[in-house]
Amino acid sequence: TETLFTIHPDMNEGQLAKMRAKAVSEDALSAIAKTKLKVGPYILLGHGEAEQGGAEKNSILCDIVESLIGATFLEHGIDEARKVIHRLIDDTLAEVATEGPALDWKTSLTVKAHHLGKAEPVYHMEVSGPEYAQIFTAKVTLGDNPEIIGTGKGSSKRKAQLAAAEAGWKALDA
């Protein structure tokens, strides 16, 4: 959390929370256990769990990483635990900040716009169709710039904005 706040001081709490959640998710931590720590062969499992492939289960691998961090904290204190966390997770944090679909598209577009030194995305909404089957259209611009960088349609305001954000993210990525 401290690292994200330091690297991205311009982001709001919600955006930082989504990035943090992705960086410390079960998938992310189990990937660290597999690729950086390569702990699978060293996990002591019961016979049944071993036969079921427990050494490759994301939940178990994630628990191993969390346990390693916790044990480091208990034995060596917060400063050493921080060092371990940085060694294990900093690459993932950097990756999360640049991934489009890793977060939701709206957050990803905001991150990309900030990274490119551009203004905050602004969503302009239109609604069409009968009240029982409305179609929402979102057009996204960056700040006061009237240029539309992405358009999306959906059955809800959120779906339309996510589609527009995806199109905008891809346009900025081109």
Protein backbone atom coordinates (compact mmCIF):
# COMPACT_ATOMS: atom_id res chain seq x y z
CA THR A 1 0.00 0.00 0.00
CA GLU A 2 2.80 2.43 0.88
CA THR A 3 4.58 1.67 -2.37
CA LEU A 4 1.47 2.17 -4.47
CA PHE A 5 0.72 5.47 -2.75
CA THR A 6 4.30 6.65 -3.31
CA ILE A 7 4.41 5.60 -6.97
CA HIS A 8 0.89 6.86 -7.80
CA PRO A 9 0.17 9.92 -5.59
CA ASP A 10 -2.28 11.21 -8.20
CA MET A 11 -4.60 8.21 -7.94
CA ASN A 12 -7.64 8.09 -5.69
CA GLU A 13 -8.22 5.57 -2.92
CA GLY A 14 -10.49 3.37 -5.04
CA GLN A 15 -7.95 3.04 -7.84
CA LEU A 16 -5.14 2.25 -5.41
CA ALA A 17 -7.32 -0.32 -3.64
CA LYS A 18 -8.04 -2.13 -6.91
CA MET A 19 -4.35 -2.22 -7.81
CA ARG A 20 -3.44 -3.47 -4.33
CA ALA A 21 -6.13 -6.14 -4.44
CA LYS A 22 -4.81 -7.42 -7.76
CA ALA A 23 -1.19 -7.40 -6.57
CA VAL A 24 -1.93 -9.45 -3.44
CA SER A 25 -4.64 -11.66 -4.90
CA GLU A 26 -4.50 -15.43 -4.63
CA ASP A 27 -3.50 -15.64 -8.30
CA ALA A 28 -0.67 -13.11 -7.90
CA LEU A 29 0.74 -14.61 -4.70
CA SER A 30 0.51 -18.18 -6.00
CA ALA A 31 2.38 -17.09 -9.14
CA ILE A 32 5.12 -15.67 -6.90
CA ALA A 33 5.28 -18.98 -5.02
CA LYS A 34 5.59 -20.89 -8.30
CA THR A 35 7.98 -18.63 -10.22
CA LYS A 36 10.10 -16.79 -7.68
CA LEU A 37 10.13 -19.17 -4.74
CA LYS A 38 9.53 -22.47 -6.56
CA VAL A 39 8.14 -23.95 -3.34
CA GLY A 40 5.90 -26.67 -4.79
CA PRO A 41 8.30 -29.59 -4.28
CA TYR A 42 9.03 -28.55 -0.69
CA ILE A 43 5.47 -28.38 0.64
CA LEU A 44 4.65 -31.13 3.12
CA LEU A 45 1.16 -32.40 2.37
CA GLY A 46 -1.01 -35.23 3.54
CA HIS A 47 -1.27 -38.25 1.26
CA GLY A 48 -4.71 -37.31 -0.10
CA GLU A 49 -3.81 -33.66 -0.74
CA ALA A 50 -0.57 -34.68 -2.44
CA GLU A 51 -2.48 -37.05 -4.74
CA GLN A 52 -4.91 -34.24 -5.59
CA GLY A 53 -2.04 -31.99 -6.73
CA GLY A 54 -2.03 -29.80 -3.62
CA ALA A 55 1.49 -28.55 -4.30
CA GLU A 56 0.10 -26.75 -7.37
CA LYS A 57 -3.11 -25.42 -5.80
CA ASN A 58 -3.26 -21.63 -5.85
CA SER A 59 -4.83 -21.45 -2.39
CA ILE A 60 -2.00 -23.45 -0.81
CA LEU A 61 0.73 -21.59 -2.69
CA CYS A 62 -0.80 -18.25 -1.70
CA ASP A 63 -0.88 -19.37 1.93
CA ILE A 64 2.83 -20.24 1.71
CA VAL A 65 3.75 -16.70 0.60
CA GLU A 66 1.55 -15.13 3.29
CA SER A 67 3.11 -17.45 5.89
CA LEU A 68 6.63 -16.55 4.79
CA ILE A 69 5.88 -12.84 5.17
CA GLY A 70 4.20 -13.41 8.54
CA ALA A 71 7.07 -15.53 9.86
CA THR A 72 9.59 -12.92 8.73
CA PHE A 73 7.64 -10.24 10.58
CA LEU A 74 7.42 -12.31 13.77
CA GLU A 75 11.08 -13.33 13.77
CA HIS A 76 12.77 -10.20 12.38
CA GLY A 77 10.32 -7.30 12.65
CA ILE A 78 8.54 -4.96 10.28
CA ASP A 79 11.64 -3.64 8.48
CA GLU A 80 12.80 -7.08 7.38
CA ALA A 81 9.24 -8.09 6.49
CA ARG A 82 9.02 -4.98 4.28
CA LYS A 83 12.22 -6.00 2.49
CA VAL A 84 10.80 -9.47 1.82
CA ILE A 85 7.51 -8.00 0.60
CA HIS A 86 9.34 -5.64 -1.76
CA ARG A 87 11.51 -8.45 -3.12
CA LEU A 88 8.49 -10.63 -3.73
CA ILE A 89 5.79 -8.18 -4.81
CA ASP A 90 7.36 -5.07 -6.39
CA ASP A 91 7.52 -6.66 -9.86
CA THR A 92 3.85 -7.56 -9.57
CA LEU A 93 2.96 -4.01 -8.50
CA ALA A 94 4.74 -2.58 -11.54
CA GLU A 95 2.99 -5.08 -13.80
CA VAL A 96 -0.45 -4.35 -12.34
CA ALA A 97 -0.05 -0.63 -13.05
CA THR A 98 0.39 -1.28 -16.77
CA GLU A 99 -2.13 -4.06 -17.34
CA GLY A 100 -5.38 -3.11 -18.96
CA PRO A 101 -7.84 -5.84 -18.09
CA ALA A 102 -6.04 -6.75 -14.88
CA LEU A 103 -8.09 -4.09 -13.18
CA ASP A 104 -11.36 -2.87 -14.54
CA TRP A 105 -11.07 -0.94 -17.79
CA LYS A 106 -12.01 2.40 -16.22
CA THR A 107 -9.21 2.16 -13.67
CA SER A 108 -6.79 0.92 -16.33
CA LEU A 109 -7.61 3.88 -18.58
CA THR A 110 -7.06 6.32 -15.72
CA VAL A 111 -3.71 4.69 -14.89
CA LYS A 112 -2.60 4.79 -18.54
CA ALA A 113 -3.71 8.43 -18.96
CA HIS A 114 -1.78 9.45 -15.83
CA HIS A 115 1.26 7.47 -16.98
CA LEU A 116 1.18 9.33 -20.31
CA GLY A 117 0.79 12.70 -18.57
CA LYS A 118 -2.75 13.18 -19.81
CA ALA A 119 -5.86 14.41 -18.01
CA GLU A 120 -8.42 12.31 -16.15
CA PRO A 121 -10.96 10.42 -18.32
CA VAL A 122 -14.41 12.03 -18.56
CA TYR A 123 -17.46 9.96 -19.57
CA HIS A 124 -20.29 11.52 -21.60
CA MET A 125 -23.52 9.50 -21.52
CA GLU A 126 -26.45 9.14 -23.91
CA VAL A 127 -29.52 6.93 -23.45
CA SER A 128 -31.74 5.59 -26.23
CA GLY A 129 -34.51 3.04 -26.64
CA PRO A 130 -37.66 2.41 -24.65
CA GLU A 131 -37.50 2.56 -20.86
CA TYR A 132 -37.74 -1.24 -20.52
CA ALA A 133 -34.84 -1.85 -22.94
CA GLN A 134 -32.58 1.18 -22.73
CA ILE A 135 -29.26 1.28 -24.53
CA PHE A 136 -26.56 3.37 -22.89
CA THR A 137 -23.79 4.91 -24.98
CA ALA A 138 -20.66 6.27 -23.32
CA LYS A 139 -18.05 8.43 -25.00
CA VAL A 140 -14.79 9.03 -23.16
CA THR A 141 -12.55 12.07 -23.49
CA LEU A 142 -9.51 13.14 -21.51
CA GLY A 143 -10.14 16.22 -19.38
CA ASP A 144 -11.33 19.25 -21.33
CA ASN A 145 -10.06 17.87 -24.64
CA PRO A 146 -13.16 17.29 -26.82
CA GLU A 147 -11.53 14.46 -28.80
CA ILE A 148 -13.39 11.18 -28.17
CA ILE A 149 -10.87 8.41 -27.55
CA GLY A 150 -13.40 5.62 -27.01
CA THR A 151 -17.08 4.80 -27.40
CA GLY A 152 -19.02 1.94 -25.85
CA LYS A 153 -22.59 0.68 -25.62
CA GLY A 154 -24.27 -1.45 -23.01
CA SER A 155 -27.44 -2.34 -21.18
CA SER A 156 -26.31 -0.26 -18.19
CA LYS A 157 -24.36 2.93 -17.65
CA ARG A 158 -21.49 0.93 -16.12
CA LYS A 159 -21.28 -1.55 -19.00
CA ALA A 160 -21.23 1.28 -21.53
CA GLN A 161 -18.51 3.12 -19.60
CA LEU A 162 -16.40 -0.03 -19.30
CA ALA A 163 -16.70 -0.64 -23.05
CA ALA A 164 -15.75 2.99 -23.76
CA ALA A 165 -12.82 2.77 -21.35
CA GLU A 166 -11.58 -0.41 -23.04
CA ALA A 167 -11.74 1.29 -26.44
CA GLY A 168 -9.99 4.37 -25.02
CA TRP A 169 -7.28 2.28 -23.36
CA LYS A 170 -6.60 0.47 -26.63
CA ALA A 171 -6.53 3.78 -28.52
CA LEU A 172 -3.92 5.17 -26.11
CA ASP A 173 -1.97 1.91 -26.35
CA ALA A 174 -1.80 2.10 -30.17
